[in-house]
Amino acid sequence: MRVAPVIKMLLFFVLAIASLPLFADQTEIEQRKIDYLIAEVGQLKDAHFIRNGTEYDVDKAVAHLQLKRRNAGSRVKTAEDFIRYCATGSSMSGEKYRIRFASGETVDSAVFFEQRLAAYPAK
């Protein structure tokens, strides 16, 4: 029996097991970021979420984003994944989601979410 390959294999397993808490922490951080992004939509006073040409209030927008997040399953691992797969457009029509603020300004939801993610409080 060669000792070097056995030691390498043991070292690999020790390192893999030691990195599990780090991976779990990173996953939790990403999930909190997604929660934060969805909550930011819910905080928009008198804004409307425009999806497939129809305006929805923020409560309906939040419910829709939560549904898309659930349906995306394991494909959404990071906040960036959430923005890309759930928060920027319709998978059915291909139309971009937009947000109309109380001021009348309208932006693509991707811009809104990317700005909010950049402002996420690092803790």
Foldseek 3Di string as FASTA:
>chain_A
DDDVVVVVVVVVVVVVVVCVVVLVVLQVVQVVLQVQLLVVLVPAPPKWKAAPNDTDHSVVVSVQLVVQVVVCPPQDRGLVSSLVRRFFYDPVPRDGMWMQGPVRDIDGRSVVSVVVSVVPDDD
